[in-house]
Amino acid sequence: MIKIVIADDHRLVREAWRLLLNRDKRLSVIAVCENGYRVVEACRVLQPDIVLMDINMEPMNGIDATRTIREFSDEVRIIGISVHTDFSYVNALMQAGANGYVTKNSSGEEMVHAIMEVMQGQSYFCKEISEVMGEAVVRK
């Protein structure tokens, strides 16, 4: 059973992800958090396998929360989730220690696929982000 913590500042998003992911028998959402401080504490206490990390949260955002989690755990796998497709957001989150990035335009099926890939030690980027990253490389 893959233990998951969801971090997003929107209640409806947290509840929807929990319902969606708990339908898969391989997954168990063990906590939902509304900001970066709460997700850091949940990771310290619960030691999840996966964190689904929104970037834009207050008072601590997902990038800072990811960086803080990395200070005490290399085991927790973090997948950034955001509406942002700009390469600067992807890069900042990956530099902070995330293992993947999925946009909120992605399907539930893709989210489950991302979780499975990251659990196997792979980095994962949804198609939309892969295209943005490819464009960023071409521009350099």
N, C-alpha and C. Protein backbone atom coordinates (compact mmCIF):
# COMPACT_ATOMS: atom_id res chain seq x y z
N MET A 1 0.84 -1.18 0.00
CA MET A 1 0.00 0.00 0.00
C MET A 1 0.89 1.25 0.00
N ILE A 2 0.67 2.11 -0.96
CA ILE A 2 1.44 3.35 -1.07
C ILE A 2 0.73 4.43 -0.25
N LYS A 3 1.45 4.97 0.74
CA LYS A 3 0.89 5.99 1.64
C LYS A 3 1.12 7.37 1.03
N ILE A 4 0.03 8.14 0.92
CA ILE A 4 0.07 9.44 0.24
C ILE A 4 -0.41 10.54 1.17
N VAL A 5 0.29 11.69 1.10
CA VAL A 5 -0.15 12.92 1.74
C VAL A 5 -0.43 13.92 0.62
N ILE A 6 -1.56 14.58 0.70
CA ILE A 6 -1.95 15.59 -0.28
C ILE A 6 -1.82 16.96 0.36
N ALA A 7 -1.14 17.88 -0.35
CA ALA A 7 -1.00 19.26 0.12
C ALA A 7 -1.54 20.21 -0.95
N ASP A 8 -2.62 20.90 -0.61
CA ASP A 8 -3.20 21.89 -1.52
C ASP A 8 -4.03 22.84 -0.68
N ASP A 9 -4.02 24.11 -1.04
CA ASP A 9 -4.74 25.09 -0.24
C ASP A 9 -6.23 25.17 -0.58
N HIS A 10 -6.68 24.41 -1.55
CA HIS A 10 -8.10 24.39 -1.89
C HIS A 10 -8.75 23.10 -1.39
N ARG A 11 -9.73 23.25 -0.52
CA ARG A 11 -10.41 22.10 0.10
C ARG A 11 -11.00 21.16 -0.94
N LEU A 12 -11.67 21.70 -1.95
CA LEU A 12 -12.30 20.86 -2.96
C LEU A 12 -11.28 20.02 -3.71
N VAL A 13 -10.14 20.59 -4.00
CA VAL A 13 -9.06 19.85 -4.68
C VAL A 13 -8.57 18.71 -3.79
N ARG A 14 -8.32 19.00 -2.52
CA ARG A 14 -7.86 17.96 -1.58
C ARG A 14 -8.87 16.82 -1.51
N GLU A 15 -10.14 17.17 -1.37
CA GLU A 15 -11.18 16.14 -1.25
C GLU A 15 -11.33 15.33 -2.53
N ALA A 16 -11.25 16.00 -3.67
CA ALA A 16 -11.38 15.28 -4.95
C ALA A 16 -10.22 14.31 -5.14
N TRP A 17 -8.98 14.76 -4.86
CA TRP A 17 -7.83 13.86 -5.01
C TRP A 17 -7.94 12.68 -4.06
N ARG A 18 -8.38 12.95 -2.82
CA ARG A 18 -8.51 11.86 -1.85
C ARG A 18 -9.49 10.81 -2.36
N LEU A 19 -10.67 11.25 -2.81
CA LEU A 19 -11.66 10.31 -3.33
C LEU A 19 -11.13 9.54 -4.53
N LEU A 20 -10.52 10.24 -5.46
CA LEU A 20 -9.98 9.62 -6.67
C LEU A 20 -8.91 8.58 -6.34
N LEU A 21 -7.95 8.96 -5.52
CA LEU A 21 -6.82 8.07 -5.25
C LEU A 21 -7.20 6.90 -4.36
N ASN A 22 -8.10 7.11 -3.42
CA ASN A 22 -8.50 6.01 -2.54
C ASN A 22 -9.31 4.94 -3.26
N ARG A 23 -9.76 5.22 -4.48
CA ARG A 23 -10.45 4.19 -5.28
C ARG A 23 -9.49 3.11 -5.76
N ASP A 24 -8.21 3.45 -5.85
CA ASP A 24 -7.19 2.50 -6.29
C ASP A 24 -6.70 1.72 -5.06
N LYS A 25 -6.84 0.42 -5.10
CA LYS A 25 -6.51 -0.43 -3.94
C LYS A 25 -5.03 -0.39 -3.56
N ARG A 26 -4.18 0.08 -4.46
CA ARG A 26 -2.74 0.17 -4.17
C ARG A 26 -2.39 1.43 -3.40
N LEU A 27 -3.33 2.38 -3.30
CA LEU A 27 -3.06 3.70 -2.74
C LEU A 27 -3.89 3.97 -1.50
N SER A 28 -3.29 4.72 -0.57
CA SER A 28 -4.01 5.12 0.64
C SER A 28 -3.62 6.55 1.00
N VAL A 29 -4.60 7.46 0.94
CA VAL A 29 -4.35 8.84 1.35
C VAL A 29 -4.42 8.87 2.87
N ILE A 30 -3.29 9.15 3.52
CA ILE A 30 -3.22 9.11 4.98
C ILE A 30 -3.36 10.47 5.63
N ALA A 31 -3.24 11.56 4.83
CA ALA A 31 -3.43 12.91 5.37
C ALA A 31 -3.64 13.89 4.22
N VAL A 32 -4.37 14.95 4.52
CA VAL A 32 -4.51 16.07 3.61
C VAL A 32 -4.12 17.33 4.39
N CYS A 33 -3.41 18.22 3.72
CA CYS A 33 -2.87 19.41 4.38
C CYS A 33 -3.15 20.64 3.54
N GLU A 34 -3.44 21.76 4.22
CA GLU A 34 -3.81 22.96 3.51
C GLU A 34 -2.67 23.95 3.28
N ASN A 35 -1.48 23.66 3.84
CA ASN A 35 -0.34 24.56 3.61
C ASN A 35 0.97 23.82 3.84
N GLY A 36 2.06 24.50 3.51
CA GLY A 36 3.38 23.91 3.59
C GLY A 36 3.79 23.50 4.99
N TYR A 37 3.44 24.30 5.99
CA TYR A 37 3.80 23.95 7.36
C TYR A 37 3.16 22.63 7.77
N ARG A 38 1.90 22.47 7.42
CA ARG A 38 1.18 21.24 7.79
C ARG A 38 1.75 20.01 7.08
N VAL A 39 2.11 20.16 5.80
CA VAL A 39 2.64 19.01 5.08
C VAL A 39 4.02 18.62 5.60
N VAL A 40 4.83 19.59 5.99
CA VAL A 40 6.13 19.26 6.57
C VAL A 40 5.94 18.46 7.85
N GLU A 41 5.03 18.92 8.72
CA GLU A 41 4.77 18.20 9.97
C GLU A 41 4.20 16.81 9.71
N ALA A 42 3.30 16.69 8.73
CA ALA A 42 2.73 15.38 8.40
C ALA A 42 3.83 14.42 7.93
N CYS A 43 4.78 14.92 7.18
CA CYS A 43 5.87 14.07 6.70
C CYS A 43 6.77 13.63 7.84
N ARG A 44 7.03 14.51 8.78
CA ARG A 44 7.84 14.14 9.96
C ARG A 44 7.18 13.02 10.75
N VAL A 45 5.88 13.15 10.96
CA VAL A 45 5.14 12.23 11.83
C VAL A 45 4.74 10.94 11.10
N LEU A 46 4.19 11.07 9.90
CA LEU A 46 3.57 9.94 9.21
C LEU A 46 4.49 9.19 8.25
N GLN A 47 5.57 9.83 7.83
CA GLN A 47 6.52 9.23 6.88
C GLN A 47 5.82 8.60 5.67
N PRO A 48 5.16 9.42 4.88
CA PRO A 48 4.46 8.88 3.70
C PRO A 48 5.45 8.43 2.63
N ASP A 49 4.95 7.69 1.67
CA ASP A 49 5.76 7.32 0.51
C ASP A 49 5.77 8.44 -0.52
N ILE A 50 4.61 9.09 -0.69
CA ILE A 50 4.42 10.12 -1.72
C ILE A 50 3.75 11.34 -1.11
N VAL A 51 4.20 12.51 -1.54
CA VAL A 51 3.49 13.77 -1.26
C VAL A 51 3.09 14.37 -2.60
N LEU A 52 1.82 14.71 -2.73
CA LEU A 52 1.35 15.48 -3.88
C LEU A 52 1.32 16.93 -3.42
N MET A 53 2.25 17.73 -3.96
CA MET A 53 2.55 19.05 -3.42
C MET A 53 2.12 20.17 -4.36
N ASP A 54 1.11 20.93 -3.94
CA ASP A 54 0.74 22.13 -4.67
C ASP A 54 1.87 23.16 -4.47
N ILE A 55 2.09 24.00 -5.46
CA ILE A 55 3.15 25.00 -5.35
C ILE A 55 2.67 26.25 -4.61
N ASN A 56 1.51 26.76 -4.99
CA ASN A 56 1.03 28.03 -4.43
C ASN A 56 0.16 27.80 -3.21
N MET A 57 0.79 27.85 -2.05
CA MET A 57 0.09 27.76 -0.78
C MET A 57 0.66 28.84 0.13
N GLU A 58 -0.13 29.30 1.06
CA GLU A 58 0.30 30.28 2.05
C GLU A 58 0.10 29.68 3.43
N PRO A 59 0.87 29.97 4.41
CA PRO A 59 1.99 30.90 4.40
C PRO A 59 3.31 30.28 3.91
N MET A 60 3.41 28.97 3.84
CA MET A 60 4.61 28.33 3.27
C MET A 60 4.21 27.66 1.96
N ASN A 61 4.90 28.01 0.88
CA ASN A 61 4.56 27.44 -0.42
C ASN A 61 5.16 26.04 -0.60
N GLY A 62 4.78 25.39 -1.68
CA GLY A 62 5.22 24.03 -1.93
C GLY A 62 6.70 23.88 -2.22
N ILE A 63 7.31 24.91 -2.79
CA ILE A 63 8.75 24.86 -3.05
C ILE A 63 9.52 24.88 -1.74
N ASP A 64 9.16 25.78 -0.84
CA ASP A 64 9.82 25.84 0.47
C ASP A 64 9.53 24.60 1.29
N ALA A 65 8.32 24.08 1.21
CA ALA A 65 7.97 22.86 1.94
C ALA A 65 8.78 21.67 1.42
N THR A 66 8.95 21.59 0.11
CA THR A 66 9.75 20.52 -0.48
C THR A 66 11.19 20.61 0.02
N ARG A 67 11.75 21.80 -0.02
CA ARG A 67 13.12 22.01 0.45
C ARG A 67 13.26 21.60 1.93
N THR A 68 12.28 21.95 2.75
CA THR A 68 12.31 21.62 4.17
C THR A 68 12.21 20.11 4.39
N ILE A 69 11.33 19.45 3.65
CA ILE A 69 11.20 18.00 3.77
C ILE A 69 12.52 17.32 3.40
N ARG A 70 13.19 17.81 2.38
CA ARG A 70 14.47 17.24 1.95
C ARG A 70 15.56 17.38 3.03
N GLU A 71 15.41 18.32 3.92
CA GLU A 71 16.39 18.48 5.02
C GLU A 71 16.36 17.31 5.98
N PHE A 72 15.22 16.61 6.08
CA PHE A 72 15.15 15.49 7.02
C PHE A 72 14.79 14.16 6.37
N SER A 73 14.46 14.16 5.08
CA SER A 73 14.09 12.90 4.44
C SER A 73 14.41 12.89 2.95
N ASP A 74 15.16 11.89 2.55
CA ASP A 74 15.36 11.62 1.12
C ASP A 74 14.41 10.53 0.65
N GLU A 75 13.71 9.91 1.59
CA GLU A 75 12.84 8.78 1.28
C GLU A 75 11.48 9.21 0.73
N VAL A 76 10.94 10.30 1.23
CA VAL A 76 9.64 10.78 0.78
C VAL A 76 9.77 11.23 -0.67
N ARG A 77 8.90 10.74 -1.52
CA ARG A 77 8.90 11.15 -2.93
C ARG A 77 7.86 12.24 -3.12
N ILE A 78 8.25 13.29 -3.80
CA ILE A 78 7.39 14.47 -3.92
C ILE A 78 7.07 14.73 -5.39
N ILE A 79 5.78 14.84 -5.66
CA ILE A 79 5.31 15.19 -7.00
C ILE A 79 4.65 16.56 -6.91
N GLY A 80 5.20 17.52 -7.61
CA GLY A 80 4.61 18.85 -7.65
C GLY A 80 3.38 18.84 -8.53
N ILE A 81 2.37 19.59 -8.07
CA ILE A 81 1.14 19.69 -8.84
C ILE A 81 0.73 21.15 -8.86
N SER A 82 0.50 21.67 -10.06
CA SER A 82 0.20 23.08 -10.16
C SER A 82 -0.53 23.40 -11.45
N VAL A 83 -1.13 24.58 -11.50
CA VAL A 83 -1.69 25.09 -12.74
C VAL A 83 -0.58 25.69 -13.60
N HIS A 84 0.56 25.99 -12.98
CA HIS A 84 1.66 26.66 -13.68
C HIS A 84 2.40 25.70 -14.61
N THR A 85 2.60 26.15 -15.84
CA THR A 85 3.37 25.36 -16.80
C THR A 85 4.68 26.05 -17.16
N ASP A 86 4.93 27.20 -16.58
CA ASP A 86 6.16 27.94 -16.85
C ASP A 86 7.36 27.15 -16.33
N PHE A 87 8.41 27.08 -17.15
CA PHE A 87 9.60 26.30 -16.79
C PHE A 87 10.21 26.75 -15.46
N SER A 88 10.10 28.03 -15.12
CA SER A 88 10.71 28.51 -13.88
C SER A 88 10.11 27.82 -12.65
N TYR A 89 8.81 27.53 -12.68
CA TYR A 89 8.17 26.82 -11.57
C TYR A 89 8.65 25.37 -11.49
N VAL A 90 8.69 24.73 -12.63
CA VAL A 90 9.15 23.35 -12.69
C VAL A 90 10.59 23.27 -12.17
N ASN A 91 11.44 24.14 -12.68
CA ASN A 91 12.85 24.15 -12.29
C ASN A 91 13.02 24.41 -10.80
N ALA A 92 12.29 25.38 -10.27
CA ALA A 92 12.40 25.70 -8.84
C ALA A 92 12.00 24.52 -7.97
N LEU A 93 10.92 23.85 -8.35
CA LEU A 93 10.46 22.71 -7.56
C LEU A 93 11.44 21.54 -7.65
N MET A 94 11.96 21.30 -8.84
CA MET A 94 12.92 20.20 -9.00
C MET A 94 14.22 20.51 -8.25
N GLN A 95 14.67 21.75 -8.30
CA GLN A 95 15.87 22.15 -7.56
C GLN A 95 15.67 21.99 -6.05
N ALA A 96 14.44 22.16 -5.59
CA ALA A 96 14.13 21.99 -4.17
C ALA A 96 14.12 20.52 -3.75
N GLY A 97 14.03 19.61 -4.73
CA GLY A 97 14.11 18.19 -4.40
C GLY A 97 12.92 17.34 -4.80
N ALA A 98 12.03 17.88 -5.65
CA ALA A 98 10.87 17.09 -6.09
C ALA A 98 11.30 15.99 -7.06
N ASN A 99 10.45 14.99 -7.20
CA ASN A 99 10.71 13.85 -8.07
C ASN A 99 9.89 13.89 -9.35
N GLY A 100 8.96 14.84 -9.45
CA GLY A 100 8.14 14.93 -10.64
C GLY A 100 7.24 16.13 -10.58
N TYR A 101 6.51 16.33 -11.69
CA TYR A 101 5.65 17.51 -11.81
C TYR A 101 4.49 17.16 -12.73
N VAL A 102 3.28 17.43 -12.26
CA VAL A 102 2.07 17.16 -13.02
C VAL A 102 1.20 18.40 -12.93
N THR A 103 0.61 18.80 -14.05
CA THR A 103 -0.28 19.97 -14.00
C THR A 103 -1.68 19.54 -13.58
N LYS A 104 -2.44 20.53 -13.14
CA LYS A 104 -3.81 20.26 -12.73
C LYS A 104 -4.73 20.00 -13.92
N ASN A 105 -4.20 20.12 -15.13
CA ASN A 105 -4.94 19.72 -16.34
C ASN A 105 -4.85 18.22 -16.58
N SER A 106 -3.97 17.54 -15.87
CA SER A 106 -3.76 16.11 -16.06
C SER A 106 -4.96 15.30 -15.55
N SER A 107 -5.11 14.12 -16.08
CA SER A 107 -6.20 13.24 -15.67
C SER A 107 -5.85 12.49 -14.39
N GLY A 108 -6.86 11.92 -13.77
CA GLY A 108 -6.63 11.08 -12.60
C GLY A 108 -5.78 9.87 -12.95
N GLU A 109 -6.00 9.34 -14.14
CA GLU A 109 -5.21 8.20 -14.62
C GLU A 109 -3.72 8.57 -14.71
N GLU A 110 -3.46 9.77 -15.22
CA GLU A 110 -2.06 10.19 -15.30
C GLU A 110 -1.46 10.40 -13.92
N MET A 111 -2.26 10.91 -12.97
CA MET A 111 -1.76 11.09 -11.61
C MET A 111 -1.34 9.75 -11.01
N VAL A 112 -2.16 8.73 -11.19
CA VAL A 112 -1.82 7.40 -10.67
C VAL A 112 -0.56 6.89 -11.37
N HIS A 113 -0.46 7.10 -12.67
CA HIS A 113 0.73 6.69 -13.42
C HIS A 113 1.98 7.41 -12.88
N ALA A 114 1.85 8.70 -12.61
CA ALA A 114 2.98 9.47 -12.05
C ALA A 114 3.41 8.89 -10.71
N ILE A 115 2.45 8.56 -9.86
CA ILE A 115 2.76 7.99 -8.54
C ILE A 115 3.53 6.68 -8.71
N MET A 116 3.06 5.82 -9.59
CA MET A 116 3.72 4.53 -9.79
C MET A 116 5.13 4.69 -10.35
N GLU A 117 5.31 5.59 -11.29
CA GLU A 117 6.65 5.83 -11.87
C GLU A 117 7.61 6.35 -10.80
N VAL A 118 7.16 7.32 -10.03
CA VAL A 118 8.01 7.91 -9.00
C VAL A 118 8.32 6.88 -7.91
N MET A 119 7.37 6.02 -7.58
CA MET A 119 7.61 4.97 -6.59
C MET A 119 8.68 3.98 -7.06
N GLN A 120 8.82 3.84 -8.37
CA GLN A 120 9.84 2.95 -8.93
C GLN A 120 11.19 3.65 -9.11
N GLY A 121 11.30 4.87 -8.58
CA GLY A 121 12.57 5.58 -8.62
C GLY A 121 12.78 6.45 -9.85
N GLN A 122 11.75 6.59 -10.68
CA GLN A 122 11.85 7.41 -11.88
C GLN A 122 11.40 8.84 -11.57
N SER A 123 11.88 9.78 -12.36
CA SER A 123 11.30 11.13 -12.36
C SER A 123 10.11 11.09 -13.30
N TYR A 124 9.12 11.93 -13.04
CA TYR A 124 7.95 11.93 -13.91
C TYR A 124 7.52 13.36 -14.21
N PHE A 125 7.27 13.62 -15.49
CA PHE A 125 6.74 14.90 -15.94
C PHE A 125 5.58 14.60 -16.88
N CYS A 126 4.43 15.23 -16.64
CA CYS A 126 3.30 15.03 -17.53
C CYS A 126 3.66 15.55 -18.92
N LYS A 127 2.87 15.17 -19.89
CA LYS A 127 3.15 15.54 -21.28
C LYS A 127 3.26 17.05 -21.46
N GLU A 128 2.35 17.78 -20.84
CA GLU A 128 2.34 19.25 -20.96
C GLU A 128 3.67 19.85 -20.47
N ILE A 129 4.18 19.34 -19.37
CA ILE A 129 5.44 19.84 -18.81
C ILE A 129 6.63 19.35 -19.63
N SER A 130 6.58 18.13 -20.12
CA SER A 130 7.66 17.63 -20.97
C SER A 130 7.85 18.53 -22.19
N GLU A 131 6.74 18.99 -22.76
CA GLU A 131 6.82 19.88 -23.92
C GLU A 131 7.44 21.22 -23.53
N VAL A 132 7.04 21.77 -22.38
CA VAL A 132 7.60 23.03 -21.89
C VAL A 132 9.10 22.89 -21.64
N MET A 133 9.50 21.77 -21.05
CA MET A 133 10.92 21.54 -20.77
C MET A 133 11.70 21.41 -22.07
N GLY A 134 11.14 20.75 -23.05
CA GLY A 134 11.79 20.63 -24.35
C GLY A 134 11.99 21.98 -25.00
N GLU A 135 10.98 22.84 -24.92
CA GLU A 135 11.08 24.18 -25.47
C GLU A 135 12.15 25.00 -24.75
N ALA A 136 12.25 24.83 -23.42
CA ALA A 136 13.25 25.57 -22.65
C ALA A 136 14.66 25.16 -23.06
N VAL A 137 14.86 23.88 -23.34
CA VAL A 137 16.18 23.38 -23.77
C VAL A 137 16.52 23.93 -25.15
N VAL A 138 15.55 23.96 -26.04
CA VAL A 138 15.77 24.46 -27.41
C VAL A 138 16.15 25.93 -27.37
N ARG A 139 15.53 26.72 -26.49
CA ARG A 139 15.81 28.15 -26.41
C ARG A 139 17.22 28.45 -25.93
N LYS A 140 17.83 27.57 -25.19
CA LYS A 140 19.17 27.83 -24.64
C LYS A 140 20.22 27.72 -25.65
